[in-house]
Amino acid sequence: ISPSLGKIHPEKRKTASSQQLKFTTSDSCDRIKDEFQFLQAQYHSLKLECDKLASEKSEMQRHYIMYYEMSYGLNIEMHKQVSLSNLTNYTHP
């Protein structure tokens, strides 16, 4: 490039440079937008999975409490039966 070319048409150089910058900026914005949308979709998917797991956790806790209460009640009932059996054996040798 000759030095006189820049002096004769300096506006052409600036326009080409700014168009390239716009193109690059526009591409960057599009990439950022696409990546943001991808991350939003991934977040939404993970949130749904987390909500599902929280629901399953609550259900498992509910079952655990139910089984624990049944086990506790059965244990008390067995102790009553053993006590009655011992009492019966003790009073009726």
PDB file of N, CA and C in Angstrom:
ATOM      1  N   ILE A   1       0.861  -1.183   0.000  1.00  0.00           N
ATOM      2  CA  ILE A   1       0.000   0.000   0.000  1.00  0.00           C
ATOM      3  C   ILE A   1       0.893   1.227   0.000  1.00  0.00           C
ATOM      4  N   SER A   2       0.617   2.104  -0.911  1.00  0.00           N
ATOM      5  CA  SER A   2       1.429   3.319  -0.993  1.00  0.00           C
ATOM      6  C   SER A   2       0.918   4.339   0.009  1.00  0.00           C
ATOM      7  N   PRO A   3       1.773   5.171   0.531  1.00  0.00           N
ATOM      8  CA  PRO A   3       1.362   6.179   1.507  1.00  0.00           C
ATOM      9  C   PRO A   3       0.368   7.166   0.922  1.00  0.00           C
ATOM     10  N   SER A   4       0.412   7.394  -0.375  1.00  0.00           N
ATOM     11  CA  SER A   4      -0.490   8.366  -0.976  1.00  0.00           C
ATOM     12  C   SER A   4      -1.927   7.835  -1.030  1.00  0.00           C
ATOM     13  N   LEU A   5      -2.131   6.506  -1.055  1.00  0.00           N
ATOM     14  CA  LEU A   5      -3.465   5.925  -1.128  1.00  0.00           C
ATOM     15  C   LEU A   5      -4.251   6.252   0.139  1.00  0.00           C
ATOM     16  N   GLY A   6      -3.606   6.164   1.283  1.00  0.00           N
ATOM     17  CA  GLY A   6      -4.266   6.505   2.544  1.00  0.00           C
ATOM     18  C   GLY A   6      -4.616   7.970   2.619  1.00  0.00           C
ATOM     19  N   LYS A   7      -3.810   8.804   1.997  1.00  0.00           N
ATOM     20  CA  LYS A   7      -4.062  10.248   2.030  1.00  0.00           C
ATOM     21  C   LYS A   7      -5.187  10.627   1.073  1.00  0.00           C
ATOM     22  N   ILE A   8      -5.302   9.905  -0.026  1.00  0.00           N
ATOM     23  CA  ILE A   8      -6.309  10.255  -1.029  1.00  0.00           C
ATOM     24  C   ILE A   8      -7.694   9.796  -0.570  1.00  0.00           C
ATOM     25  N   HIS A   9      -7.835   8.550  -0.066  1.00  0.00           N
ATOM     26  CA  HIS A   9      -9.134   8.013   0.328  1.00  0.00           C
ATOM     27  C   HIS A   9      -9.098   7.488   1.775  1.00  0.00           C
ATOM     28  N   PRO A  10      -8.898   8.339   2.773  1.00  0.00           N
ATOM     29  CA  PRO A  10      -8.837   7.844   4.153  1.00  0.00           C
ATOM     30  C   PRO A  10     -10.181   7.306   4.637  1.00  0.00           C
ATOM     31  N   GLU A  11     -11.305   7.829   4.096  1.00  0.00           N
ATOM     32  CA  GLU A  11     -12.629   7.375   4.544  1.00  0.00           C
ATOM     33  C   GLU A  11     -12.909   5.932   4.147  1.00  0.00           C
ATOM     34  N   LYS A  12     -12.349   5.456   3.040  1.00  0.00           N
ATOM     35  CA  LYS A  12     -12.555   4.075   2.612  1.00  0.00           C
ATOM     36  C   LYS A  12     -11.904   3.108   3.584  1.00  0.00           C
ATOM     37  N   ARG A  13     -10.744   3.458   4.081  1.00  0.00           N
ATOM     38  CA  ARG A  13     -10.071   2.593   5.043  1.00  0.00           C
ATOM     39  C   ARG A  13     -10.873   2.503   6.342  1.00  0.00           C
ATOM     40  N   LYS A  14     -11.374   3.620   6.823  1.00  0.00           N
ATOM     41  CA  LYS A  14     -12.155   3.636   8.064  1.00  0.00           C
ATOM     42  C   LYS A  14     -13.457   2.844   7.906  1.00  0.00           C
ATOM     43  N   THR A  15     -14.121   2.984   6.775  1.00  0.00           N
ATOM     44  CA  THR A  15     -15.388   2.289   6.535  1.00  0.00           C
ATOM     45  C   THR A  15     -15.178   0.779   6.510  1.00  0.00           C
ATOM     46  N   ALA A  16     -14.156   0.329   5.840  1.00  0.00           N
ATOM     47  CA  ALA A  16     -13.874  -1.113   5.777  1.00  0.00           C
ATOM     48  C   ALA A  16     -13.555  -1.637   7.163  1.00  0.00           C
ATOM     49  N   SER A  17     -12.779  -0.867   7.904  1.00  0.00           N
ATOM     50  CA  SER A  17     -12.410  -1.274   9.266  1.00  0.00           C
ATOM     51  C   SER A  17     -13.644  -1.320  10.167  1.00  0.00           C
ATOM     52  N   SER A  18     -14.514  -0.333  10.090  1.00  0.00           N
ATOM     53  CA  SER A  18     -15.699  -0.311  10.948  1.00  0.00           C
ATOM     54  C   SER A  18     -16.701  -1.399  10.544  1.00  0.00           C
ATOM     55  N   GLN A  19     -16.783  -1.718   9.227  1.00  0.00           N
ATOM     56  CA  GLN A  19     -17.672  -2.805   8.804  1.00  0.00           C
ATOM     57  C   GLN A  19     -17.168  -4.139   9.337  1.00  0.00           C
ATOM     58  N   GLN A  20     -15.872  -4.311   9.311  1.00  0.00           N
ATOM     59  CA  GLN A  20     -15.299  -5.546   9.850  1.00  0.00           C
ATOM     60  C   GLN A  20     -15.564  -5.612  11.351  1.00  0.00           C
ATOM     61  N   LEU A  21     -15.452  -4.491  12.037  1.00  0.00           N
ATOM     62  CA  LEU A  21     -15.712  -4.443  13.473  1.00  0.00           C
ATOM     63  C   LEU A  21     -17.178  -4.756  13.763  1.00  0.00           C
ATOM     64  N   LYS A  22     -18.088  -4.179  12.968  1.00  0.00           N
ATOM     65  CA  LYS A  22     -19.513  -4.465  13.137  1.00  0.00           C
ATOM     66  C   LYS A  22     -19.795  -5.948  12.931  1.00  0.00           C
ATOM     67  N   PHE A  23     -19.189  -6.497  11.894  1.00  0.00           N
ATOM     68  CA  PHE A  23     -19.375  -7.913  11.587  1.00  0.00           C
ATOM     69  C   PHE A  23     -18.883  -8.768  12.756  1.00  0.00           C
ATOM     70  N   THR A  24     -17.732  -8.446  13.278  1.00  0.00           N
ATOM     71  CA  THR A  24     -17.170  -9.183  14.401  1.00  0.00           C
ATOM     72  C   THR A  24     -18.028  -9.006  15.651  1.00  0.00           C
ATOM     73  N   THR A  25     -18.461  -7.797  15.922  1.00  0.00           N
ATOM     74  CA  THR A  25     -19.301  -7.529  17.084  1.00  0.00           C
ATOM     75  C   THR A  25     -20.641  -8.245  16.949  1.00  0.00           C
ATOM     76  N   SER A  26     -21.216  -8.186  15.761  1.00  0.00           N
ATOM     77  CA  SER A  26     -22.490  -8.863  15.532  1.00  0.00           C
ATOM     78  C   SER A  26     -22.344 -10.375  15.724  1.00  0.00           C
ATOM     79  N   ASP A  27     -21.269 -10.934  15.190  1.00  0.00           N
ATOM     80  CA  ASP A  27     -21.024 -12.374  15.368  1.00  0.00           C
ATOM     81  C   ASP A  27     -20.846 -12.719  16.839  1.00  0.00           C
ATOM     82  N   SER A  28     -20.099 -11.884  17.526  1.00  0.00           N
ATOM     83  CA  SER A  28     -19.871 -12.126  18.952  1.00  0.00           C
ATOM     84  C   SER A  28     -21.186 -12.072  19.724  1.00  0.00           C
ATOM     85  N   CYS A  29     -22.007 -11.103  19.413  1.00  0.00           N
ATOM     86  CA  CYS A  29     -23.309 -10.988  20.078  1.00  0.00           C
ATOM     87  C   CYS A  29     -24.184 -12.205  19.790  1.00  0.00           C
ATOM     88  N   ASP A  30     -24.168 -12.651  18.544  1.00  0.00           N
ATOM     89  CA  ASP A  30     -24.942 -13.847  18.188  1.00  0.00           C
ATOM     90  C   ASP A  30     -24.445 -15.075  18.938  1.00  0.00           C
ATOM     91  N   ARG A  31     -23.127 -15.217  19.021  1.00  0.00           N
ATOM     92  CA  ARG A  31     -22.563 -16.359  19.754  1.00  0.00           C
ATOM     93  C   ARG A  31     -22.936 -16.297  21.224  1.00  0.00           C
ATOM     94  N   ILE A  32     -22.833 -15.096  21.803  1.00  0.00           N
ATOM     95  CA  ILE A  32     -23.191 -14.924  23.224  1.00  0.00           C
ATOM     96  C   ILE A  32     -24.669 -15.230  23.431  1.00  0.00           C
ATOM     97  N   LYS A  33     -25.499 -14.752  22.521  1.00  0.00           N
ATOM     98  CA  LYS A  33     -26.945 -15.007  22.610  1.00  0.00           C
ATOM     99  C   LYS A  33     -27.230 -16.506  22.525  1.00  0.00           C
ATOM    100  N   ASP A  34     -26.587 -17.189  21.571  1.00  0.00           N
ATOM    101  CA  ASP A  34     -26.788 -18.639  21.423  1.00  0.00           C
ATOM    102  C   ASP A  34     -26.325 -19.390  22.670  1.00  0.00           C
ATOM    103  N   GLU A  35     -25.165 -19.001  23.171  1.00  0.00           N
ATOM    104  CA  GLU A  35     -24.645 -19.670  24.364  1.00  0.00           C
ATOM    105  C   GLU A  35     -25.550 -19.410  25.570  1.00  0.00           C
ATOM    106  N   PHE A  36     -26.048 -18.177  25.682  1.00  0.00           N
ATOM    107  CA  PHE A  36     -26.957 -17.841  26.778  1.00  0.00           C
ATOM    108  C   PHE A  36     -28.241 -18.674  26.696  1.00  0.00           C
ATOM    109  N   GLN A  37     -28.788 -18.812  25.498  1.00  0.00           N
ATOM    110  CA  GLN A  37     -29.999 -19.610  25.328  1.00  0.00           C
ATOM    111  C   GLN A  37     -29.728 -21.077  25.662  1.00  0.00           C
ATOM    112  N   PHE A  38     -28.568 -21.575  25.249  1.00  0.00           N
ATOM    113  CA  PHE A  38     -28.193 -22.946  25.588  1.00  0.00           C
ATOM    114  C   PHE A  38     -28.097 -23.122  27.104  1.00  0.00           C
ATOM    115  N   LEU A  39     -27.447 -22.167  27.769  1.00  0.00           N
ATOM    116  CA  LEU A  39     -27.311 -22.248  29.230  1.00  0.00           C
ATOM    117  C   LEU A  39     -28.670 -22.137  29.924  1.00  0.00           C
ATOM    118  N   GLN A  40     -29.550 -21.293  29.387  1.00  0.00           N
ATOM    119  CA  GLN A  40     -30.900 -21.188  29.952  1.00  0.00           C
ATOM    120  C   GLN A  40     -31.642 -22.515  29.825  1.00  0.00           C
ATOM    121  N   ALA A  41     -31.544 -23.143  28.677  1.00  0.00           N
ATOM    122  CA  ALA A  41     -32.207 -24.433  28.462  1.00  0.00           C
ATOM    123  C   ALA A  41     -31.618 -25.488  29.400  1.00  0.00           C
ATOM    124  N   GLN A  42     -30.299 -25.484  29.538  1.00  0.00           N
ATOM    125  CA  GLN A  42     -29.643 -26.433  30.427  1.00  0.00           C
ATOM    126  C   GLN A  42     -30.073 -26.179  31.875  1.00  0.00           C
ATOM    127  N   TYR A  43     -30.139 -24.916  32.285  1.00  0.00           N
ATOM    128  CA  TYR A  43     -30.592 -24.557  33.627  1.00  0.00           C
ATOM    129  C   TYR A  43     -32.016 -25.047  33.860  1.00  0.00           C
ATOM    130  N   HIS A  44     -32.880 -24.812  32.884  1.00  0.00           N
ATOM    131  CA  HIS A  44     -34.272 -25.232  33.003  1.00  0.00           C
ATOM    132  C   HIS A  44     -34.359 -26.750  33.165  1.00  0.00           C
ATOM    133  N   SER A  45     -33.594 -27.461  32.361  1.00  0.00           N
ATOM    134  CA  SER A  45     -33.578 -28.924  32.436  1.00  0.00           C
ATOM    135  C   SER A  45     -33.085 -29.399  33.801  1.00  0.00           C
ATOM    136  N   LEU A  46     -32.010 -28.793  34.282  1.00  0.00           N
ATOM    137  CA  LEU A  46     -31.471 -29.178  35.592  1.00  0.00           C
ATOM    138  C   LEU A  46     -32.422 -28.810  36.724  1.00  0.00           C
ATOM    139  N   LYS A  47     -33.123 -27.689  36.584  1.00  0.00           N
ATOM    140  CA  LYS A  47     -34.099 -27.286  37.602  1.00  0.00           C
ATOM    141  C   LYS A  47     -35.250 -28.288  37.661  1.00  0.00           C
ATOM    142  N   LEU A  48     -35.721 -28.722  36.496  1.00  0.00           N
ATOM    143  CA  LEU A  48     -36.781 -29.726  36.469  1.00  0.00           C
ATOM    144  C   LEU A  48     -36.316 -31.028  37.121  1.00  0.00           C
ATOM    145  N   GLU A  49     -35.088 -31.432  36.819  1.00  0.00           N
ATOM    146  CA  GLU A  49     -34.538 -32.650  37.409  1.00  0.00           C
ATOM    147  C   GLU A  49     -34.391 -32.505  38.923  1.00  0.00           C
ATOM    148  N   CYS A  50     -33.952 -31.334  39.354  1.00  0.00           N
ATOM    149  CA  CYS A  50     -33.799 -31.069  40.790  1.00  0.00           C
ATOM    150  C   CYS A  50     -35.160 -31.111  41.486  1.00  0.00           C
ATOM    151  N   ASP A  51     -36.172 -30.492  40.880  1.00  0.00           N
ATOM    152  CA  ASP A  51     -37.520 -30.521  41.450  1.00  0.00           C
ATOM    153  C   ASP A  51     -38.049 -31.950  41.539  1.00  0.00           C
ATOM    154  N   LYS A  52     -37.783 -32.743  40.502  1.00  0.00           N
ATOM    155  CA  LYS A  52     -38.217 -34.141  40.497  1.00  0.00           C
ATOM    156  C   LYS A  52     -37.530 -34.907  41.632  1.00  0.00           C
ATOM    157  N   LEU A  53     -36.223 -34.696  41.786  1.00  0.00           N
ATOM    158  CA  LEU A  53     -35.478 -35.377  42.849  1.00  0.00           C
ATOM    159  C   LEU A  53     -35.948 -34.932  44.234  1.00  0.00           C
ATOM    160  N   ALA A  54     -36.270 -33.660  44.391  1.00  0.00           N
ATOM    161  CA  ALA A  54     -36.783 -33.166  45.672  1.00  0.00           C
ATOM    162  C   ALA A  54     -38.118 -33.819  45.988  1.00  0.00           C
ATOM    163  N   SER A  55     -38.953 -33.982  44.970  1.00  0.00           N
ATOM    164  CA  SER A  55     -40.241 -34.648  45.156  1.00  0.00           C
ATOM    165  C   SER A  55     -40.043 -36.110  45.551  1.00  0.00           C
ATOM    166  N   GLU A  56     -39.113 -36.788  44.854  1.00  0.00           N
ATOM    167  CA  GLU A  56     -38.826 -38.182  45.190  1.00  0.00           C
ATOM    168  C   GLU A  56     -38.253 -38.297  46.603  1.00  0.00           C
ATOM    169  N   LYS A  57     -37.432 -37.342  46.984  1.00  0.00           N
ATOM    170  CA  LYS A  57     -36.859 -37.341  48.337  1.00  0.00           C
ATOM    171  C   LYS A  57     -37.978 -37.231  49.376  1.00  0.00           C
ATOM    172  N   SER A  58     -38.908 -36.326  49.151  1.00  0.00           N
ATOM    173  CA  SER A  58     -40.032 -36.168  50.077  1.00  0.00           C
ATOM    174  C   SER A  58     -40.849 -37.456  50.178  1.00  0.00           C
ATOM    175  N   GLU A  59     -41.068 -38.076  49.031  1.00  0.00           N
ATOM    176  CA  GLU A  59     -41.822 -39.331  49.011  1.00  0.00           C
ATOM    177  C   GLU A  59     -41.072 -40.426  49.773  1.00  0.00           C
ATOM    178  N   MET A  60     -39.757 -40.505  49.573  1.00  0.00           N
ATOM    179  CA  MET A  60     -38.952 -41.504  50.285  1.00  0.00           C
ATOM    180  C   MET A  60     -38.968 -41.246  51.789  1.00  0.00           C
ATOM    181  N   GLN A  61     -38.901 -39.979  52.183  1.00  0.00           N
ATOM    182  CA  GLN A  61     -38.954 -39.648  53.606  1.00  0.00           C
ATOM    183  C   GLN A  61     -40.307 -40.034  54.198  1.00  0.00           C
ATOM    184  N   ARG A  62     -41.353 -39.801  53.444  1.00  0.00           N
ATOM    185  CA  ARG A  62     -42.693 -40.161  53.911  1.00  0.00           C
ATOM    186  C   ARG A  62     -42.786 -41.678  54.107  1.00  0.00           C
ATOM    187  N   HIS A  63     -42.270 -42.444  53.152  1.00  0.00           N
ATOM    188  CA  HIS A  63     -42.269 -43.905  53.276  1.00  0.00           C
ATOM    189  C   HIS A  63     -41.421 -44.357  54.456  1.00  0.00           C
ATOM    190  N   TYR A  64     -40.263 -43.718  54.632  1.00  0.00           N
ATOM    191  CA  TYR A  64     -39.393 -44.075  55.750  1.00  0.00           C
ATOM    192  C   TYR A  64     -40.108 -43.869  57.078  1.00  0.00           C
ATOM    193  N   ILE A  65     -40.779 -42.738  57.233  1.00  0.00           N
ATOM    194  CA  ILE A  65     -41.505 -42.457  58.477  1.00  0.00           C
ATOM    195  C   ILE A  65     -42.618 -43.478  58.678  1.00  0.00           C
ATOM    196  N   MET A  66     -43.333 -43.798  57.607  1.00  0.00           N
ATOM    197  CA  MET A  66     -44.415 -44.778  57.708  1.00  0.00           C
ATOM    198  C   MET A  66     -43.866 -46.140  58.147  1.00  0.00           C
ATOM    199  N   TYR A  67     -42.773 -46.589  57.522  1.00  0.00           N
ATOM    200  CA  TYR A  67     -42.182 -47.874  57.893  1.00  0.00           C
ATOM    201  C   TYR A  67     -41.601 -47.837  59.301  1.00  0.00           C
ATOM    202  N   TYR A  68     -41.008 -46.726  59.675  1.00  0.00           N
ATOM    203  CA  TYR A  68     -40.458 -46.585  61.019  1.00  0.00           C
ATOM    204  C   TYR A  68     -41.583 -46.687  62.058  1.00  0.00           C
ATOM    205  N   GLU A  69     -42.690 -45.991  61.814  1.00  0.00           N
ATOM    206  CA  GLU A  69     -43.826 -46.053  62.744  1.00  0.00           C
ATOM    207  C   GLU A  69     -44.392 -47.468  62.832  1.00  0.00           C
ATOM    208  N   MET A  70     -44.492 -48.146  61.681  1.00  0.00           N
ATOM    209  CA  MET A  70     -44.987 -49.530  61.701  1.00  0.00           C
ATOM    210  C   MET A  70     -44.027 -50.430  62.478  1.00  0.00           C
ATOM    211  N   SER A  71     -42.750 -50.271  62.258  1.00  0.00           N
ATOM    212  CA  SER A  71     -41.741 -51.071  62.944  1.00  0.00           C
ATOM    213  C   SER A  71     -41.776 -50.803  64.442  1.00  0.00           C
ATOM    214  N   TYR A  72     -41.888 -49.550  64.810  1.00  0.00           N
ATOM    215  CA  TYR A  72     -41.946 -49.188  66.223  1.00  0.00           C
ATOM    216  C   TYR A  72     -43.184 -49.795  66.878  1.00  0.00           C
ATOM    217  N   GLY A  73     -44.328 -49.680  66.204  1.00  0.00           N
ATOM    218  CA  GLY A  73     -45.566 -50.257  66.732  1.00  0.00           C
ATOM    219  C   GLY A  73     -45.467 -51.768  66.866  1.00  0.00           C
ATOM    220  N   LEU A  74     -44.869 -52.431  65.892  1.00  0.00           N
ATOM    221  CA  LEU A  74     -44.690 -53.879  65.938  1.00  0.00           C
ATOM    222  C   LEU A  74     -43.755 -54.274  67.082  1.00  0.00           C
ATOM    223  N   ASN A  75     -42.706 -53.510  67.269  1.00  0.00           N
ATOM    224  CA  ASN A  75     -41.758 -53.766  68.350  1.00  0.00           C
ATOM    225  C   ASN A  75     -42.453 -53.652  69.710  1.00  0.00           C
ATOM    226  N   ILE A  76     -43.245 -52.619  69.889  1.00  0.00           N
ATOM    227  CA  ILE A  76     -43.990 -52.449  71.154  1.00  0.00           C
ATOM    228  C   ILE A  76     -44.960 -53.611  71.346  1.00  0.00           C
ATOM    229  N   GLU A  77     -45.654 -53.998  70.292  1.00  0.00           N
ATOM    230  CA  GLU A  77     -46.603 -55.107  70.375  1.00  0.00           C
ATOM    231  C   GLU A  77     -45.896 -56.402  70.737  1.00  0.00           C
ATOM    232  N   MET A  78     -44.701 -56.644  70.181  1.00  0.00           N
ATOM    233  CA  MET A  78     -43.935 -57.849  70.513  1.00  0.00           C
ATOM    234  C   MET A  78     -43.521 -57.836  71.982  1.00  0.00           C
ATOM    235  N   HIS A  79     -43.100 -56.684  72.480  1.00  0.00           N
ATOM    236  CA  HIS A  79     -42.735 -56.576  73.895  1.00  0.00           C
ATOM    237  C   HIS A  79     -43.937 -56.855  74.798  1.00  0.00           C
ATOM    238  N   LYS A  80     -45.106 -56.367  74.399  1.00  0.00           N
ATOM    239  CA  LYS A  80     -46.326 -56.640  75.168  1.00  0.00           C
ATOM    240  C   LYS A  80     -46.597 -58.146  75.203  1.00  0.00           C
ATOM    241  N   GLN A  81     -46.482 -58.779  74.032  1.00  0.00           N
ATOM    242  CA  GLN A  81     -46.746 -60.226  73.954  1.00  0.00           C
ATOM    243  C   GLN A  81     -45.749 -61.008  74.802  1.00  0.00           C
ATOM    244  N   VAL A  82     -44.471 -60.623  74.748  1.00  0.00           N
ATOM    245  CA  VAL A  82     -43.452 -61.305  75.557  1.00  0.00           C
ATOM    246  C   VAL A  82     -43.745 -61.091  77.032  1.00  0.00           C
ATOM    247  N   SER A  83     -44.117 -59.874  77.402  1.00  0.00           N
ATOM    248  CA  SER A  83     -44.438 -59.599  78.806  1.00  0.00           C
ATOM    249  C   SER A  83     -45.643 -60.414  79.251  1.00  0.00           C
ATOM    250  N   LEU A  84     -46.681 -60.494  78.422  1.00  0.00           N
ATOM    251  CA  LEU A  84     -47.860 -61.284  78.764  1.00  0.00           C
ATOM    252  C   LEU A  84     -47.503 -62.774  78.873  1.00  0.00           C
ATOM    253  N   SER A  85     -46.670 -63.223  77.968  1.00  0.00           N
ATOM    254  CA  SER A  85     -46.251 -64.616  77.997  1.00  0.00           C
ATOM    255  C   SER A  85     -45.464 -64.919  79.266  1.00  0.00           C
ATOM    256  N   ASN A  86     -44.548 -64.036  79.599  1.00  0.00           N
ATOM    257  CA  ASN A  86     -43.773 -64.212  80.830  1.00  0.00           C
ATOM    258  C   ASN A  86     -44.666 -64.164  82.057  1.00  0.00           C
ATOM    259  N   LEU A  87     -45.619 -63.244  82.047  1.00  0.00           N
ATOM    260  CA  LEU A  87     -46.538 -63.117  83.168  1.00  0.00           C
ATOM    261  C   LEU A  87     -47.399 -64.375  83.282  1.00  0.00           C
ATOM    262  N   THR A  88     -47.887 -64.860  82.156  1.00  0.00           N
ATOM    263  CA  THR A  88     -48.704 -66.076  82.155  1.00  0.00           C
ATOM    264  C   THR A  88     -47.881 -67.262  82.640  1.00  0.00           C
ATOM    265  N   ASN A  89     -46.647 -67.381  82.169  1.00  0.00           N
ATOM    266  CA  ASN A  89     -45.769 -68.483  82.611  1.00  0.00           C
ATOM    267  C   ASN A  89     -45.429 -68.360  84.086  1.00  0.00           C
ATOM    268  N   TYR A  90     -45.306 -67.151  84.582  1.00  0.00           N
ATOM    269  CA  TYR A  90     -44.940 -66.930  85.969  1.00  0.00           C
ATOM    270  C   TYR A  90     -46.118 -67.248  86.892  1.00  0.00           C
ATOM    271  N   THR A  91     -47.365 -66.859  86.492  1.00  0.00           N
ATOM    272  CA  THR A  91     -48.545 -67.081  87.338  1.00  0.00           C
ATOM    273  C   THR A  91     -49.074 -68.516  87.191  1.00  0.00           C
ATOM    274  N   HIS A  92     -48.830 -69.146  86.085  1.00  0.00           N
ATOM    275  CA  HIS A  92     -49.297 -70.518  85.860  1.00  0.00           C
ATOM    276  C   HIS A  92     -48.105 -71.418  85.545  1.00  0.00           C
ATOM    277  N   PRO A  93     -47.431 -71.901  86.575  1.00  0.00           N
ATOM    278  CA  PRO A  93     -46.244 -72.740  86.304  1.00  0.00           C
ATOM    279  C   PRO A  93     -46.570 -74.090  85.750  1.00  0.00           C
TER     280      PRO A  93
END
